[in-house]
């Protein structure tokens, strides 16, 4: 294995996903790429909103804001740079893509010749899964490379 792609959102568990994926890459002496996908230029302001993975509930929706795409991409790049610094390895590559999250993960994996894709899953069920969908499930369904899927519940319970 030579290349590990770690797909990250803005959730509170993302740093733990990055740490776990990076430890996997280090154990295989593989290069690491951190990826964040922006889905569109519209972000919803809510007390329980994750801009990448969606709503915890729909009842807390307060307002709708439009943010220029350049600002969203810059914020995402700053976020990845902070995670890269947190991991302490200047050799880590970063990528910010725009579009459907699952498709961008798969396209980036192909472009960088990833040997494994690391991502977290929130294990949504019921209406949340129907309304928001599951990025991990879509990537799993279409991936031609192995996945290392980390259930974020293990970090949320700690």
N, C-alpha and C. Protein backbone atom coordinates (compact mmCIF):
# COMPACT_ATOMS: atom_id res chain seq x y z
N UNK A 1 0.84 -1.18 0.00
CA UNK A 1 0.00 0.00 0.00
C UNK A 1 0.88 1.24 0.00
N UNK A 2 0.55 2.16 -0.91
CA UNK A 2 1.37 3.35 -1.05
C UNK A 2 0.63 4.64 -0.77
N UNK A 3 -0.72 4.63 -0.85
CA UNK A 3 -1.47 5.87 -0.74
C UNK A 3 -2.77 5.63 0.01
N UNK A 4 -3.00 6.45 1.05
CA UNK A 4 -4.22 6.38 1.84
C UNK A 4 -4.97 7.71 1.68
N UNK A 5 -6.24 7.62 1.33
CA UNK A 5 -7.10 8.80 1.24
C UNK A 5 -8.01 8.82 2.45
N UNK A 6 -8.01 9.94 3.18
CA UNK A 6 -8.85 10.10 4.36
C UNK A 6 -9.87 11.19 4.07
N UNK A 7 -11.14 10.81 3.97
CA UNK A 7 -12.22 11.75 3.68
C UNK A 7 -12.78 12.27 5.00
N UNK A 8 -12.86 13.59 5.12
CA UNK A 8 -13.25 14.22 6.39
C UNK A 8 -14.36 15.24 6.21
N UNK A 9 -15.21 15.32 7.21
CA UNK A 9 -16.23 16.36 7.26
C UNK A 9 -15.88 17.32 8.40
N UNK A 10 -16.84 18.13 8.81
CA UNK A 10 -16.61 19.07 9.90
C UNK A 10 -17.14 18.55 11.24
N UNK A 11 -17.47 17.30 11.32
CA UNK A 11 -18.04 16.79 12.57
C UNK A 11 -17.00 16.80 13.68
N UNK A 12 -17.48 16.71 14.90
CA UNK A 12 -16.60 16.72 16.06
C UNK A 12 -15.68 15.50 16.08
N UNK A 13 -16.06 14.43 15.39
CA UNK A 13 -15.26 13.22 15.38
C UNK A 13 -14.22 13.20 14.24
N UNK A 14 -14.24 14.18 13.35
CA UNK A 14 -13.32 14.19 12.21
C UNK A 14 -11.84 14.12 12.62
N UNK A 15 -11.41 14.85 13.64
CA UNK A 15 -9.99 14.72 14.04
C UNK A 15 -9.62 13.29 14.43
N UNK A 16 -10.53 12.57 15.08
CA UNK A 16 -10.26 11.18 15.46
C UNK A 16 -10.20 10.28 14.21
N UNK A 17 -11.05 10.57 13.23
CA UNK A 17 -11.01 9.82 11.97
C UNK A 17 -9.66 10.07 11.31
N UNK A 18 -9.22 11.34 11.30
CA UNK A 18 -7.93 11.69 10.70
C UNK A 18 -6.78 10.97 11.43
N UNK A 19 -6.82 10.98 12.74
CA UNK A 19 -5.77 10.32 13.54
C UNK A 19 -5.72 8.82 13.25
N UNK A 20 -6.88 8.19 13.20
CA UNK A 20 -6.95 6.74 12.96
C UNK A 20 -6.47 6.40 11.55
N UNK A 21 -6.94 7.17 10.57
CA UNK A 21 -6.51 6.94 9.19
C UNK A 21 -5.02 7.18 9.00
N UNK A 22 -4.51 8.21 9.68
CA UNK A 22 -3.09 8.51 9.59
C UNK A 22 -2.25 7.40 10.23
N UNK A 23 -2.73 6.87 11.35
CA UNK A 23 -2.02 5.75 12.00
C UNK A 23 -1.97 4.54 11.07
N UNK A 24 -3.06 4.29 10.35
CA UNK A 24 -3.08 3.21 9.38
C UNK A 24 -2.05 3.46 8.28
N UNK A 25 -2.02 4.67 7.75
CA UNK A 25 -1.06 5.02 6.69
C UNK A 25 0.38 4.87 7.18
N UNK A 26 0.65 5.36 8.39
CA UNK A 26 2.00 5.26 8.96
C UNK A 26 2.40 3.80 9.14
N UNK A 27 1.47 2.96 9.57
CA UNK A 27 1.79 1.55 9.80
C UNK A 27 2.16 0.84 8.49
N UNK A 28 1.67 1.37 7.37
CA UNK A 28 1.98 0.78 6.07
C UNK A 28 3.04 1.59 5.32
N UNK A 29 3.56 2.63 5.98
CA UNK A 29 4.52 3.53 5.35
C UNK A 29 3.97 4.10 4.04
N UNK A 30 2.70 4.47 4.07
CA UNK A 30 2.01 5.00 2.90
C UNK A 30 1.86 6.50 3.00
N UNK A 31 1.77 7.15 1.86
CA UNK A 31 1.49 8.58 1.81
C UNK A 31 0.04 8.81 2.20
N UNK A 32 -0.25 10.00 2.72
CA UNK A 32 -1.58 10.32 3.20
C UNK A 32 -2.12 11.56 2.49
N UNK A 33 -3.38 11.49 2.08
CA UNK A 33 -4.08 12.66 1.53
C UNK A 33 -5.35 12.86 2.34
N UNK A 34 -5.53 14.07 2.86
CA UNK A 34 -6.76 14.46 3.56
C UNK A 34 -7.68 15.13 2.55
N UNK A 35 -8.94 14.73 2.51
CA UNK A 35 -9.92 15.27 1.55
C UNK A 35 -11.13 15.81 2.29
N UNK A 36 -11.57 16.98 1.85
CA UNK A 36 -12.85 17.53 2.30
C UNK A 36 -13.64 17.89 1.05
N UNK A 37 -14.92 17.53 1.04
CA UNK A 37 -15.78 17.83 -0.10
C UNK A 37 -16.83 18.85 0.32
N UNK A 38 -16.90 19.94 -0.44
CA UNK A 38 -17.98 20.91 -0.24
C UNK A 38 -19.09 20.51 -1.19
N UNK A 39 -20.31 20.46 -0.69
CA UNK A 39 -21.41 19.96 -1.50
C UNK A 39 -22.07 21.03 -2.34
N UNK A 40 -22.11 22.24 -1.85
CA UNK A 40 -22.68 23.35 -2.61
C UNK A 40 -22.38 24.64 -1.87
N UNK A 41 -22.87 25.75 -2.41
CA UNK A 41 -22.58 27.05 -1.82
C UNK A 41 -23.58 27.46 -0.76
N UNK A 42 -24.55 26.60 -0.44
CA UNK A 42 -25.57 26.96 0.53
C UNK A 42 -25.32 26.20 1.83
N UNK A 43 -25.13 26.94 2.88
CA UNK A 43 -24.97 26.34 4.20
C UNK A 43 -26.14 26.81 5.06
N UNK A 44 -26.69 25.91 5.83
CA UNK A 44 -27.82 26.24 6.68
C UNK A 44 -27.32 26.53 8.08
N UNK A 45 -27.84 27.57 8.68
CA UNK A 45 -27.44 27.92 10.04
C UNK A 45 -28.39 27.24 11.01
N UNK A 46 -27.85 26.38 11.83
CA UNK A 46 -28.63 25.64 12.80
C UNK A 46 -27.72 25.26 13.96
N UNK A 47 -28.30 25.07 15.11
CA UNK A 47 -27.50 24.68 16.27
C UNK A 47 -26.94 23.26 16.12
N UNK A 48 -27.54 22.43 15.30
CA UNK A 48 -27.09 21.04 15.19
C UNK A 48 -26.79 20.67 13.73
N UNK A 49 -26.11 21.53 13.02
CA UNK A 49 -25.84 21.30 11.61
C UNK A 49 -24.38 20.99 11.34
N UNK A 50 -24.15 19.96 10.58
CA UNK A 50 -22.83 19.64 10.08
C UNK A 50 -22.85 19.95 8.59
N UNK A 51 -22.06 20.91 8.10
CA UNK A 51 -22.15 21.35 6.71
C UNK A 51 -21.92 20.24 5.69
N UNK A 52 -21.26 19.19 6.08
CA UNK A 52 -20.97 18.13 5.12
C UNK A 52 -21.96 16.99 5.22
N UNK A 53 -22.21 16.54 6.41
CA UNK A 53 -23.02 15.34 6.56
C UNK A 53 -24.48 15.60 6.85
N UNK A 54 -24.88 16.81 7.18
CA UNK A 54 -26.29 17.11 7.29
C UNK A 54 -26.77 17.42 8.67
N UNK A 55 -28.10 17.33 8.82
CA UNK A 55 -28.76 17.71 10.05
C UNK A 55 -28.85 16.57 11.03
N UNK A 56 -28.76 16.90 12.31
CA UNK A 56 -29.11 15.92 13.34
C UNK A 56 -30.63 15.90 13.46
N UNK A 57 -31.24 17.08 13.39
CA UNK A 57 -32.69 17.19 13.38
C UNK A 57 -33.06 18.31 12.43
N UNK A 58 -34.26 18.28 11.94
CA UNK A 58 -34.72 19.34 11.06
C UNK A 58 -35.43 20.46 11.82
N UNK A 59 -35.79 20.22 13.07
CA UNK A 59 -36.58 21.19 13.82
C UNK A 59 -35.78 22.42 14.24
N UNK A 60 -34.45 22.36 14.26
CA UNK A 60 -33.65 23.48 14.73
C UNK A 60 -33.26 24.46 13.62
N UNK A 61 -33.74 24.25 12.40
CA UNK A 61 -33.38 25.11 11.28
C UNK A 61 -33.86 26.53 11.55
N UNK A 62 -32.93 27.46 11.54
CA UNK A 62 -33.28 28.84 11.85
C UNK A 62 -33.26 29.72 10.60
N UNK A 63 -32.13 29.78 9.91
CA UNK A 63 -32.02 30.67 8.78
C UNK A 63 -31.23 30.00 7.66
N UNK A 64 -31.25 30.62 6.51
CA UNK A 64 -30.53 30.13 5.36
C UNK A 64 -29.54 31.20 4.93
N UNK A 65 -28.28 30.80 4.75
CA UNK A 65 -27.26 31.75 4.32
C UNK A 65 -26.61 31.24 3.05
N UNK A 66 -26.24 32.16 2.18
CA UNK A 66 -25.48 31.80 1.00
C UNK A 66 -24.08 32.33 1.18
N UNK A 67 -23.09 31.48 0.99
CA UNK A 67 -21.70 31.85 1.15
C UNK A 67 -21.00 31.65 -0.18
N UNK A 68 -20.18 32.60 -0.60
CA UNK A 68 -19.45 32.43 -1.86
C UNK A 68 -18.60 31.17 -1.83
N UNK A 69 -18.57 30.47 -2.95
CA UNK A 69 -17.84 29.21 -3.07
C UNK A 69 -16.38 29.35 -2.67
N UNK A 70 -15.76 30.47 -3.04
CA UNK A 70 -14.35 30.67 -2.70
C UNK A 70 -14.13 30.69 -1.20
N UNK A 71 -15.06 31.30 -0.46
CA UNK A 71 -14.94 31.35 1.00
C UNK A 71 -15.10 29.96 1.61
N UNK A 72 -16.02 29.18 1.06
CA UNK A 72 -16.25 27.83 1.56
C UNK A 72 -15.01 26.98 1.32
N UNK A 73 -14.44 27.09 0.12
CA UNK A 73 -13.24 26.30 -0.20
C UNK A 73 -12.05 26.74 0.65
N UNK A 74 -11.91 28.04 0.89
CA UNK A 74 -10.81 28.52 1.72
C UNK A 74 -10.96 28.02 3.15
N UNK A 75 -12.17 28.06 3.67
CA UNK A 75 -12.42 27.57 5.03
C UNK A 75 -12.12 26.07 5.11
N UNK A 76 -12.50 25.33 4.08
CA UNK A 76 -12.22 23.89 4.06
C UNK A 76 -10.72 23.63 4.00
N UNK A 77 -10.00 24.42 3.20
CA UNK A 77 -8.55 24.24 3.11
C UNK A 77 -7.89 24.59 4.43
N UNK A 78 -8.34 25.66 5.08
CA UNK A 78 -7.81 26.02 6.39
C UNK A 78 -8.04 24.89 7.40
N UNK A 79 -9.22 24.29 7.34
CA UNK A 79 -9.56 23.18 8.23
C UNK A 79 -8.61 22.00 8.01
N UNK A 80 -8.38 21.63 6.74
CA UNK A 80 -7.47 20.53 6.44
C UNK A 80 -6.04 20.86 6.86
N UNK A 81 -5.64 22.12 6.67
CA UNK A 81 -4.30 22.53 7.10
C UNK A 81 -4.13 22.40 8.61
N UNK A 82 -5.19 22.72 9.36
CA UNK A 82 -5.14 22.57 10.82
C UNK A 82 -5.03 21.10 11.21
N UNK A 83 -5.79 20.25 10.52
CA UNK A 83 -5.70 18.82 10.81
C UNK A 83 -4.32 18.27 10.45
N UNK A 84 -3.77 18.74 9.34
CA UNK A 84 -2.43 18.33 8.93
C UNK A 84 -1.41 18.72 10.00
N UNK A 85 -1.53 19.93 10.50
CA UNK A 85 -0.63 20.40 11.57
C UNK A 85 -0.83 19.57 12.83
N UNK A 86 -2.08 19.26 13.15
CA UNK A 86 -2.40 18.43 14.32
C UNK A 86 -1.73 17.06 14.21
N UNK A 87 -1.70 16.49 13.00
CA UNK A 87 -1.09 15.18 12.79
C UNK A 87 0.44 15.27 12.77
N UNK A 88 0.96 16.48 12.56
CA UNK A 88 2.40 16.70 12.66
C UNK A 88 3.25 16.14 11.53
N UNK A 89 2.70 16.11 10.32
CA UNK A 89 3.46 15.58 9.19
C UNK A 89 3.28 16.51 7.99
N UNK A 90 4.33 17.25 7.67
CA UNK A 90 4.27 18.20 6.55
C UNK A 90 4.13 17.51 5.20
N UNK A 91 4.39 16.22 5.14
CA UNK A 91 4.29 15.49 3.87
C UNK A 91 2.85 15.13 3.51
N UNK A 92 1.92 15.30 4.44
CA UNK A 92 0.52 15.00 4.15
C UNK A 92 0.01 15.95 3.08
N UNK A 93 -0.66 15.38 2.08
CA UNK A 93 -1.29 16.17 1.03
C UNK A 93 -2.73 16.49 1.43
N UNK A 94 -3.28 17.57 0.90
CA UNK A 94 -4.67 17.92 1.16
C UNK A 94 -5.37 18.20 -0.16
N UNK A 95 -6.69 18.00 -0.16
CA UNK A 95 -7.49 18.27 -1.35
C UNK A 95 -8.87 18.74 -0.92
N UNK A 96 -9.36 19.78 -1.57
CA UNK A 96 -10.73 20.25 -1.37
C UNK A 96 -11.43 20.12 -2.72
N UNK A 97 -12.52 19.38 -2.74
CA UNK A 97 -13.28 19.17 -3.97
C UNK A 97 -14.69 19.67 -3.76
N UNK A 98 -15.39 19.92 -4.86
CA UNK A 98 -16.76 20.42 -4.80
C UNK A 98 -17.65 19.51 -5.62
N UNK A 99 -18.76 19.11 -5.03
CA UNK A 99 -19.71 18.26 -5.75
C UNK A 99 -20.35 17.26 -4.82
N UNK A 100 -20.89 16.20 -5.41
CA UNK A 100 -21.48 15.12 -4.63
C UNK A 100 -20.37 14.46 -3.81
N UNK A 101 -20.59 14.34 -2.52
CA UNK A 101 -19.53 13.88 -1.62
C UNK A 101 -19.00 12.50 -2.01
N UNK A 102 -19.88 11.54 -2.19
CA UNK A 102 -19.43 10.18 -2.51
C UNK A 102 -18.69 10.16 -3.85
N UNK A 103 -19.23 10.83 -4.85
CA UNK A 103 -18.58 10.86 -6.16
C UNK A 103 -17.20 11.49 -6.09
N UNK A 104 -17.08 12.58 -5.35
CA UNK A 104 -15.78 13.26 -5.22
C UNK A 104 -14.77 12.38 -4.49
N UNK A 105 -15.21 11.65 -3.48
CA UNK A 105 -14.31 10.75 -2.77
C UNK A 105 -13.78 9.70 -3.75
N UNK A 106 -14.68 9.10 -4.51
CA UNK A 106 -14.28 8.06 -5.46
C UNK A 106 -13.38 8.61 -6.56
N UNK A 107 -13.71 9.80 -7.08
CA UNK A 107 -12.89 10.41 -8.13
C UNK A 107 -11.50 10.77 -7.62
N UNK A 108 -11.43 11.29 -6.41
CA UNK A 108 -10.13 11.64 -5.82
C UNK A 108 -9.31 10.38 -5.58
N UNK A 109 -9.94 9.33 -5.09
CA UNK A 109 -9.25 8.06 -4.87
C UNK A 109 -8.63 7.55 -6.17
N UNK A 110 -9.37 7.67 -7.25
CA UNK A 110 -8.86 7.25 -8.56
C UNK A 110 -7.71 8.14 -8.99
N UNK A 111 -7.89 9.44 -8.85
CA UNK A 111 -6.88 10.42 -9.31
C UNK A 111 -5.55 10.26 -8.59
N UNK A 112 -5.59 9.95 -7.29
CA UNK A 112 -4.33 9.84 -6.53
C UNK A 112 -3.85 8.39 -6.43
N UNK A 113 -4.59 7.47 -7.05
CA UNK A 113 -4.24 6.04 -7.00
C UNK A 113 -4.24 5.52 -5.57
N UNK A 114 -5.30 5.87 -4.83
CA UNK A 114 -5.41 5.44 -3.43
C UNK A 114 -5.53 3.92 -3.35
N UNK A 115 -4.84 3.36 -2.38
CA UNK A 115 -4.92 1.92 -2.12
C UNK A 115 -6.01 1.60 -1.10
N UNK A 116 -6.38 2.59 -0.32
CA UNK A 116 -7.46 2.43 0.66
C UNK A 116 -8.07 3.81 0.93
N UNK A 117 -9.39 3.80 1.17
CA UNK A 117 -10.12 5.03 1.51
C UNK A 117 -10.57 4.88 2.96
N UNK A 118 -10.27 5.90 3.77
CA UNK A 118 -10.68 5.92 5.17
C UNK A 118 -11.78 6.97 5.32
N UNK A 119 -12.89 6.59 5.94
CA UNK A 119 -13.95 7.56 6.22
C UNK A 119 -14.75 7.09 7.42
N UNK A 120 -15.42 8.03 8.03
CA UNK A 120 -16.26 7.73 9.18
C UNK A 120 -17.70 7.58 8.74
N UNK A 121 -18.47 6.91 9.57
CA UNK A 121 -19.90 6.81 9.31
C UNK A 121 -20.65 7.13 10.60
N UNK A 122 -21.73 7.88 10.44
CA UNK A 122 -22.56 8.25 11.58
C UNK A 122 -23.64 7.22 11.85
N UNK A 123 -23.70 6.18 11.03
CA UNK A 123 -24.65 5.07 11.21
C UNK A 123 -26.09 5.56 11.32
N UNK A 124 -26.48 6.41 10.41
CA UNK A 124 -27.85 6.93 10.43
C UNK A 124 -28.83 5.83 10.05
N UNK A 125 -30.03 5.97 10.59
CA UNK A 125 -31.09 5.01 10.30
C UNK A 125 -32.38 5.79 10.05
N UNK A 126 -33.35 5.09 9.53
CA UNK A 126 -34.69 5.62 9.38
C UNK A 126 -34.76 6.85 8.51
N UNK A 127 -35.50 7.85 8.99
CA UNK A 127 -35.76 9.07 8.22
C UNK A 127 -34.48 9.83 7.92
N UNK A 128 -33.55 9.91 8.89
CA UNK A 128 -32.28 10.60 8.63
C UNK A 128 -31.55 9.98 7.45
N UNK A 129 -31.52 8.67 7.36
CA UNK A 129 -30.81 8.00 6.26
C UNK A 129 -31.53 8.27 4.94
N UNK A 130 -32.85 8.22 4.96
CA UNK A 130 -33.62 8.47 3.75
C UNK A 130 -33.43 9.91 3.28
N UNK A 131 -33.51 10.86 4.21
CA UNK A 131 -33.42 12.28 3.85
C UNK A 131 -32.00 12.72 3.52
N UNK A 132 -31.03 12.24 4.28
CA UNK A 132 -29.65 12.69 4.13
C UNK A 132 -28.84 11.72 3.30
N UNK A 133 -29.15 10.43 3.41
CA UNK A 133 -28.39 9.41 2.71
C UNK A 133 -27.15 9.03 3.49
N UNK A 134 -26.42 8.10 2.96
CA UNK A 134 -25.20 7.66 3.61
C UNK A 134 -24.06 7.73 2.62
N UNK A 135 -23.14 8.64 2.87
CA UNK A 135 -21.96 8.77 2.01
C UNK A 135 -21.17 7.48 2.04
N UNK A 136 -20.96 6.93 3.23
CA UNK A 136 -20.18 5.70 3.35
C UNK A 136 -20.81 4.58 2.52
N UNK A 137 -22.13 4.47 2.57
CA UNK A 137 -22.81 3.43 1.82
C UNK A 137 -22.63 3.62 0.31
N UNK A 138 -22.73 4.87 -0.16
CA UNK A 138 -22.55 5.14 -1.58
C UNK A 138 -21.12 4.84 -2.02
N UNK A 139 -20.16 5.22 -1.20
CA UNK A 139 -18.76 4.94 -1.54
C UNK A 139 -18.54 3.43 -1.55
N UNK A 140 -19.06 2.72 -0.56
CA UNK A 140 -18.91 1.27 -0.49
C UNK A 140 -19.51 0.60 -1.73
N UNK A 141 -20.66 1.07 -2.14
CA UNK A 141 -21.35 0.47 -3.28
C UNK A 141 -20.56 0.61 -4.58
N UNK A 142 -19.80 1.70 -4.73
CA UNK A 142 -19.15 1.99 -6.01
C UNK A 142 -17.62 1.92 -6.00
N UNK A 143 -17.03 1.70 -4.86
CA UNK A 143 -15.57 1.72 -4.76
C UNK A 143 -14.94 0.48 -5.38
N UNK A 144 -13.79 0.70 -6.01
CA UNK A 144 -13.00 -0.41 -6.53
C UNK A 144 -11.75 -0.64 -5.67
N UNK A 145 -11.61 0.16 -4.60
CA UNK A 145 -10.49 -0.02 -3.68
C UNK A 145 -11.05 -0.31 -2.29
N UNK A 146 -10.26 -0.94 -1.43
CA UNK A 146 -10.74 -1.26 -0.07
C UNK A 146 -11.10 0.00 0.72
N UNK A 147 -12.04 -0.16 1.63
CA UNK A 147 -12.46 0.92 2.51
C UNK A 147 -12.15 0.55 3.96
N UNK A 148 -11.78 1.57 4.72
CA UNK A 148 -11.63 1.44 6.16
C UNK A 148 -12.66 2.39 6.74
N UNK A 149 -13.82 1.84 7.12
CA UNK A 149 -14.94 2.66 7.58
C UNK A 149 -14.96 2.62 9.10
N UNK A 150 -14.93 3.80 9.70
CA UNK A 150 -14.85 3.93 11.15
C UNK A 150 -16.19 4.43 11.69
N UNK A 151 -16.86 3.64 12.53
CA UNK A 151 -18.11 4.12 13.12
C UNK A 151 -17.80 5.22 14.14
N UNK A 152 -18.36 6.39 13.92
CA UNK A 152 -18.03 7.53 14.79
C UNK A 152 -18.63 7.39 16.18
N UNK A 153 -19.54 6.47 16.37
CA UNK A 153 -20.13 6.25 17.70
C UNK A 153 -19.06 5.94 18.74
N UNK A 154 -17.99 5.25 18.33
CA UNK A 154 -16.94 4.90 19.29
C UNK A 154 -16.27 6.13 19.86
N UNK A 155 -16.22 7.20 19.06
CA UNK A 155 -15.60 8.44 19.55
C UNK A 155 -16.62 9.31 20.30
N UNK A 156 -17.88 9.25 19.88
CA UNK A 156 -18.92 10.05 20.52
C UNK A 156 -19.18 9.57 21.93
N UNK A 157 -19.00 8.27 22.19
CA UNK A 157 -19.27 7.71 23.51
C UNK A 157 -18.14 7.97 24.49
N UNK A 158 -16.96 8.34 24.01
CA UNK A 158 -15.81 8.56 24.88
C UNK A 158 -15.87 9.89 25.57
